[in-house]
Amino acid sequence: MGVEYRKRCMQRVPGTRIMTLDCKPWLMRGISYSPVPWQHDPSYHEPFGDYFTDEWIDILRRDMDLFVEMGANTVRLTRGGSRRAT
């Protein structure tokens, strides 16, 4: 039939920085991530910081395995580079 998913309840405790998941304290273990290859300058070369494409999928897969290994439960995706080459 398929996988059954249970609805989860994420809440923030008012007046605190505590978050709960299903009424249990939840600790965010996050990382801010942009898959820029070593020695690439995303500001001046294609794909101008957009490495979330099929061409670069191996880097993303490699890094996701590292995130699991380090215990991250949250990933903030960013796009490198703010300037475009002219």
Foldseek 3Di string as FASTA:
>chain_A
DDDDDDDWDWDADPPDRWIDINNHTDDADEDEDQLDDPPDQLAEDPPNQPCVDPVNVVSVVVVVVVCVVVPGPYYHYDGDHDHYHD
